[in-house]
Amino acid sequence: MGFKLANELKEQYGDKLEVLLFPCNQHGYQNYHDKEEILNSLKHVRPGEGFISNCTLMEKCEVAGENIHPFWKTLINAMPLRNTTPQYEFENPFGIQNNKTFRTAGWCPVVPQDVIWNFEWFLISPDGKPIKRYHPHPEKFEQPIKDDIKELLS
């Protein structure tokens, strides 16, 4: 879902939108490969069917914990809350996972503003200002991401 949405948005907006993908192995230890293997996995496994990302794949880094990459630390400090309601966060404190996932998180310390799962999105203006942060639950937040990008770039 996340890679396909990223491609769709990049195709729609072309040079007006830059989509940066940051591989990380901290969420379920699902991304332990190097850049080349990630691209091969996308092409042949998931989503598969010859999929080729048209987005910029960055080097793997840590997005939470004591070894967080400086880019992510700055971004999360600027946008500590997701675009959800307090009620949604209360009902889903661990995002789309469960409490057990966070007890075995791939980082320490675990704090509320952490990136909680793959494909948590951040919208940044062309001048580098963080605009909005999106919960990684795609069914709930795909349309707001599309709407906000459309508004920002119009």
C-alpha atoms as a PDB file:
ATOM      1  CA  MET A   1       0.000   0.000   0.000  1.00  0.00           C
ATOM      2  CA  GLY A   2       2.648   2.556   1.015  1.00  0.00           C
ATOM      3  CA  PHE A   3       4.955   2.057  -1.956  1.00  0.00           C
ATOM      4  CA  LYS A   4       2.062   2.105  -4.403  1.00  0.00           C
ATOM      5  CA  LEU A   5       0.654   5.303  -2.905  1.00  0.00           C
ATOM      6  CA  ALA A   6       4.096   6.926  -2.998  1.00  0.00           C
ATOM      7  CA  ASN A   7       4.456   6.026  -6.687  1.00  0.00           C
ATOM      8  CA  GLU A   8       0.949   7.236  -7.464  1.00  0.00           C
ATOM      9  CA  LEU A   9       1.629  10.623  -5.873  1.00  0.00           C
ATOM     10  CA  LYS A  10       5.000  10.987  -7.593  1.00  0.00           C
ATOM     11  CA  GLU A  11       3.411  10.154 -10.962  1.00  0.00           C
ATOM     12  CA  GLN A  12       0.601  12.628 -10.359  1.00  0.00           C
ATOM     13  CA  TYR A  13       2.798  15.568  -9.330  1.00  0.00           C
ATOM     14  CA  GLY A  14       6.092  14.815 -11.072  1.00  0.00           C
ATOM     15  CA  ASP A  15       8.823  17.348 -10.318  1.00  0.00           C
ATOM     16  CA  LYS A  16       6.502  19.354  -8.049  1.00  0.00           C
ATOM     17  CA  LEU A  17       6.701  16.608  -5.410  1.00  0.00           C
ATOM     18  CA  GLU A  18       9.699  14.774  -4.021  1.00  0.00           C
ATOM     19  CA  VAL A  19       8.928  11.515  -2.208  1.00  0.00           C
ATOM     20  CA  LEU A  20      11.743  10.284   0.024  1.00  0.00           C
ATOM     21  CA  LEU A  21      11.621   6.721   1.321  1.00  0.00           C
ATOM     22  CA  PHE A  22      13.716   5.916   4.398  1.00  0.00           C
ATOM     23  CA  PRO A  23      14.216   2.187   4.989  1.00  0.00           C
ATOM     24  CA  CYS A  24      14.403   1.218   8.641  1.00  0.00           C
ATOM     25  CA  ASN A  25      14.694  -2.142  10.371  1.00  0.00           C
ATOM     26  CA  GLN A  26      13.199  -1.011  13.681  1.00  0.00           C
ATOM     27  CA  HIS A  27       9.564  -1.938  13.004  1.00  0.00           C
ATOM     28  CA  GLY A  28       9.150  -5.675  13.184  1.00  0.00           C
ATOM     29  CA  TYR A  29      12.699  -6.167  11.855  1.00  0.00           C
ATOM     30  CA  GLN A  30      11.197  -6.280   8.355  1.00  0.00           C
ATOM     31  CA  ASN A  31      13.830  -4.315   6.468  1.00  0.00           C
ATOM     32  CA  TYR A  32      17.288  -5.714   7.066  1.00  0.00           C
ATOM     33  CA  HIS A  33      18.360  -5.600   3.401  1.00  0.00           C
ATOM     34  CA  ASP A  34      20.640  -3.161   1.621  1.00  0.00           C
ATOM     35  CA  LYS A  35      19.324  -0.682  -0.955  1.00  0.00           C
ATOM     36  CA  GLU A  36      19.728  -2.981  -3.979  1.00  0.00           C
ATOM     37  CA  GLU A  37      17.978  -5.879  -2.260  1.00  0.00           C
ATOM     38  CA  ILE A  38      15.127  -3.599  -1.167  1.00  0.00           C
ATOM     39  CA  LEU A  39      14.557  -2.563  -4.789  1.00  0.00           C
ATOM     40  CA  ASN A  40      14.645  -6.219  -5.902  1.00  0.00           C
ATOM     41  CA  SER A  41      12.193  -7.149  -3.160  1.00  0.00           C
ATOM     42  CA  LEU A  42       9.798  -4.425  -4.298  1.00  0.00           C
ATOM     43  CA  LYS A  43      10.057  -5.604  -7.882  1.00  0.00           C
ATOM     44  CA  HIS A  44       9.636  -9.327  -7.292  1.00  0.00           C
ATOM     45  CA  VAL A  45       7.957  -9.843  -3.907  1.00  0.00           C
ATOM     46  CA  ARG A  46       5.988  -7.008  -2.370  1.00  0.00           C
ATOM     47  CA  PRO A  47       4.265  -5.348  -4.088  1.00  0.00           C
ATOM     48  CA  GLY A  48       5.889  -7.478  -6.839  1.00  0.00           C
ATOM     49  CA  GLU A  49       4.660  -7.865 -10.428  1.00  0.00           C
ATOM     50  CA  GLY A  50       7.637  -5.874 -11.754  1.00  0.00           C
ATOM     51  CA  PHE A  51       7.017  -2.870  -9.469  1.00  0.00           C
ATOM     52  CA  ILE A  52       9.659  -0.156  -9.796  1.00  0.00           C
ATOM     53  CA  SER A  53       9.681   2.726  -7.336  1.00  0.00           C
ATOM     54  CA  ASN A  54       9.816   6.176  -8.891  1.00  0.00           C
ATOM     55  CA  CYS A  55      10.666   7.740  -5.525  1.00  0.00           C
ATOM     56  CA  THR A  56      14.023   8.483  -3.921  1.00  0.00           C
ATOM     57  CA  LEU A  57      15.201   5.608  -1.738  1.00  0.00           C
ATOM     58  CA  MET A  58      17.454   6.944   1.006  1.00  0.00           C
ATOM     59  CA  GLU A  59      20.020   4.983   3.001  1.00  0.00           C
ATOM     60  CA  LYS A  60      18.685   2.844   5.821  1.00  0.00           C
ATOM     61  CA  CYS A  61      18.670   4.665   9.154  1.00  0.00           C
ATOM     62  CA  GLU A  62      17.108   4.608  12.596  1.00  0.00           C
ATOM     63  CA  VAL A  63      13.953   6.694  13.029  1.00  0.00           C
ATOM     64  CA  ALA A  64      13.517   6.262  16.800  1.00  0.00           C
ATOM     65  CA  GLY A  65      15.488   5.642  19.963  1.00  0.00           C
ATOM     66  CA  GLU A  66      18.881   6.786  21.140  1.00  0.00           C
ATOM     67  CA  ASN A  67      20.503   6.274  17.699  1.00  0.00           C
ATOM     68  CA  ILE A  68      17.860   8.219  15.782  1.00  0.00           C
ATOM     69  CA  HIS A  69      19.184   9.868  12.610  1.00  0.00           C
ATOM     70  CA  PRO A  70      19.500  13.688  13.021  1.00  0.00           C
ATOM     71  CA  PHE A  71      17.057  14.274  10.130  1.00  0.00           C
ATOM     72  CA  TRP A  72      14.370  12.268  11.920  1.00  0.00           C
ATOM     73  CA  LYS A  73      15.110  13.812  15.301  1.00  0.00           C
ATOM     74  CA  THR A  74      14.643  17.287  13.840  1.00  0.00           C
ATOM     75  CA  LEU A  75      11.485  16.296  11.960  1.00  0.00           C
ATOM     76  CA  ILE A  76       9.864  14.569  14.939  1.00  0.00           C
ATOM     77  CA  ASN A  77      10.726  17.460  17.255  1.00  0.00           C
ATOM     78  CA  ALA A  78       9.015  19.807  14.794  1.00  0.00           C
ATOM     79  CA  MET A  79       5.969  17.510  14.439  1.00  0.00           C
ATOM     80  CA  PRO A  80       5.594  15.431  17.623  1.00  0.00           C
ATOM     81  CA  LEU A  81       1.904  14.619  17.052  1.00  0.00           C
ATOM     82  CA  ARG A  82       0.177  12.796  14.214  1.00  0.00           C
ATOM     83  CA  ASN A  83      -2.890  14.164  12.416  1.00  0.00           C
ATOM     84  CA  THR A  84      -5.235  12.055  14.484  1.00  0.00           C
ATOM     85  CA  THR A  85      -7.700  12.907  17.184  1.00  0.00           C
ATOM     86  CA  PRO A  86      -6.869  12.355  20.852  1.00  0.00           C
ATOM     87  CA  GLN A  87      -9.658   9.753  20.862  1.00  0.00           C
ATOM     88  CA  TYR A  88      -8.029   7.811  17.993  1.00  0.00           C
ATOM     89  CA  GLU A  89      -4.607   7.859  19.658  1.00  0.00           C
ATOM     90  CA  PHE A  90      -6.173   6.756  22.955  1.00  0.00           C
ATOM     91  CA  GLU A  91      -7.925   3.838  21.246  1.00  0.00           C
ATOM     92  CA  ASN A  92      -4.841   2.949  19.157  1.00  0.00           C
ATOM     93  CA  PRO A  93      -1.854   3.837  21.360  1.00  0.00           C
ATOM     94  CA  PHE A  94       0.435   1.493  19.469  1.00  0.00           C
ATOM     95  CA  GLY A  95      -0.761   2.383  16.002  1.00  0.00           C
ATOM     96  CA  ILE A  96      -1.665  -0.596  13.870  1.00  0.00           C
ATOM     97  CA  GLN A  97       0.262  -2.992  16.112  1.00  0.00           C
ATOM     98  CA  ASN A  98      -0.454  -4.118  19.623  1.00  0.00           C
ATOM     99  CA  ASN A  99       1.170  -3.615  22.993  1.00  0.00           C
ATOM    100  CA  LYS A 100       3.348  -6.733  22.559  1.00  0.00           C
ATOM    101  CA  THR A 101       4.997  -5.153  19.505  1.00  0.00           C
ATOM    102  CA  PHE A 102       6.089  -2.153  21.524  1.00  0.00           C
ATOM    103  CA  ARG A 103       7.394  -4.254  24.392  1.00  0.00           C
ATOM    104  CA  THR A 104       9.789  -5.738  21.841  1.00  0.00           C
ATOM    105  CA  ALA A 105      10.427  -2.496  19.942  1.00  0.00           C
ATOM    106  CA  GLY A 106      13.663  -2.286  17.989  1.00  0.00           C
ATOM    107  CA  TRP A 107      14.748   0.816  19.863  1.00  0.00           C
ATOM    108  CA  CYS A 108      15.006   2.348  23.292  1.00  0.00           C
ATOM    109  CA  PRO A 109      13.701   4.484  24.870  1.00  0.00           C
ATOM    110  CA  VAL A 110      10.161   4.263  23.483  1.00  0.00           C
ATOM    111  CA  VAL A 111       8.363   7.624  23.677  1.00  0.00           C
ATOM    112  CA  PRO A 112       4.911   8.761  22.441  1.00  0.00           C
ATOM    113  CA  GLN A 113       6.233  10.861  19.547  1.00  0.00           C
ATOM    114  CA  ASP A 114       8.152   7.929  18.003  1.00  0.00           C
ATOM    115  CA  VAL A 115       7.502   6.822  14.445  1.00  0.00           C
ATOM    116  CA  ILE A 116       5.275   3.880  15.334  1.00  0.00           C
ATOM    117  CA  TRP A 117       5.288   1.810  12.152  1.00  0.00           C
ATOM    118  CA  ASN A 118       6.291   1.671   8.510  1.00  0.00           C
ATOM    119  CA  PHE A 119       4.837   4.351   6.273  1.00  0.00           C
ATOM    120  CA  GLU A 120       4.207   7.011   8.824  1.00  0.00           C
ATOM    121  CA  TRP A 121       4.152   9.998   6.472  1.00  0.00           C
ATOM    122  CA  PHE A 122       5.383  13.565   6.931  1.00  0.00           C
ATOM    123  CA  LEU A 123       4.435  16.408   4.586  1.00  0.00           C
ATOM    124  CA  ILE A 124       7.107  19.073   4.220  1.00  0.00           C
ATOM    125  CA  SER A 125       6.655  22.294   2.249  1.00  0.00           C
ATOM    126  CA  PRO A 126       8.912  23.134  -0.711  1.00  0.00           C
ATOM    127  CA  ASP A 127      10.826  25.526   1.577  1.00  0.00           C
ATOM    128  CA  GLY A 128      11.486  22.751   4.124  1.00  0.00           C
ATOM    129  CA  LYS A 129       8.814  23.580   6.709  1.00  0.00           C
ATOM    130  CA  PRO A 130       7.108  20.531   8.268  1.00  0.00           C
ATOM    131  CA  ILE A 131       3.376  20.799   7.549  1.00  0.00           C
ATOM    132  CA  LYS A 132       1.713  17.634   8.838  1.00  0.00           C
ATOM    133  CA  ARG A 133       2.423  14.172  10.189  1.00  0.00           C
ATOM    134  CA  TYR A 134       0.213  11.209   9.320  1.00  0.00           C
ATOM    135  CA  HIS A 135      -0.596   8.045  11.217  1.00  0.00           C
ATOM    136  CA  PRO A 136       0.501   4.934   9.259  1.00  0.00           C
ATOM    137  CA  HIS A 137      -2.998   3.424   9.162  1.00  0.00           C
ATOM    138  CA  PRO A 138      -3.507   3.679   5.364  1.00  0.00           C
ATOM    139  CA  GLU A 139      -7.249   3.091   5.112  1.00  0.00           C
ATOM    140  CA  LYS A 140      -7.881   5.967   7.482  1.00  0.00           C
ATOM    141  CA  PHE A 141      -5.329   8.520   6.294  1.00  0.00           C
ATOM    142  CA  GLU A 142      -4.641   7.971   2.589  1.00  0.00           C
ATOM    143  CA  GLN A 143      -7.230  10.518   1.440  1.00  0.00           C
ATOM    144  CA  PRO A 144      -6.084  13.275   3.835  1.00  0.00           C
ATOM    145  CA  ILE A 145      -2.515  12.824   2.572  1.00  0.00           C
ATOM    146  CA  LYS A 146      -3.713  13.205  -1.025  1.00  0.00           C
ATOM    147  CA  ASP A 147      -5.892  16.205  -0.161  1.00  0.00           C
ATOM    148  CA  ASP A 148      -3.147  17.991   1.767  1.00  0.00           C
ATOM    149  CA  ILE A 149      -0.568  17.509  -0.997  1.00  0.00           C
ATOM    150  CA  LYS A 150      -3.050  18.794  -3.568  1.00  0.00           C
ATOM    151  CA  GLU A 151      -3.737  21.872  -1.441  1.00  0.00           C
ATOM    152  CA  LEU A 152      -0.047  22.523  -0.738  1.00  0.00           C
ATOM    153  CA  LEU A 153       0.958  22.290  -4.403  1.00  0.00           C
ATOM    154  CA  SER A 154      -1.981  24.196  -5.885  1.00  0.00           C
END
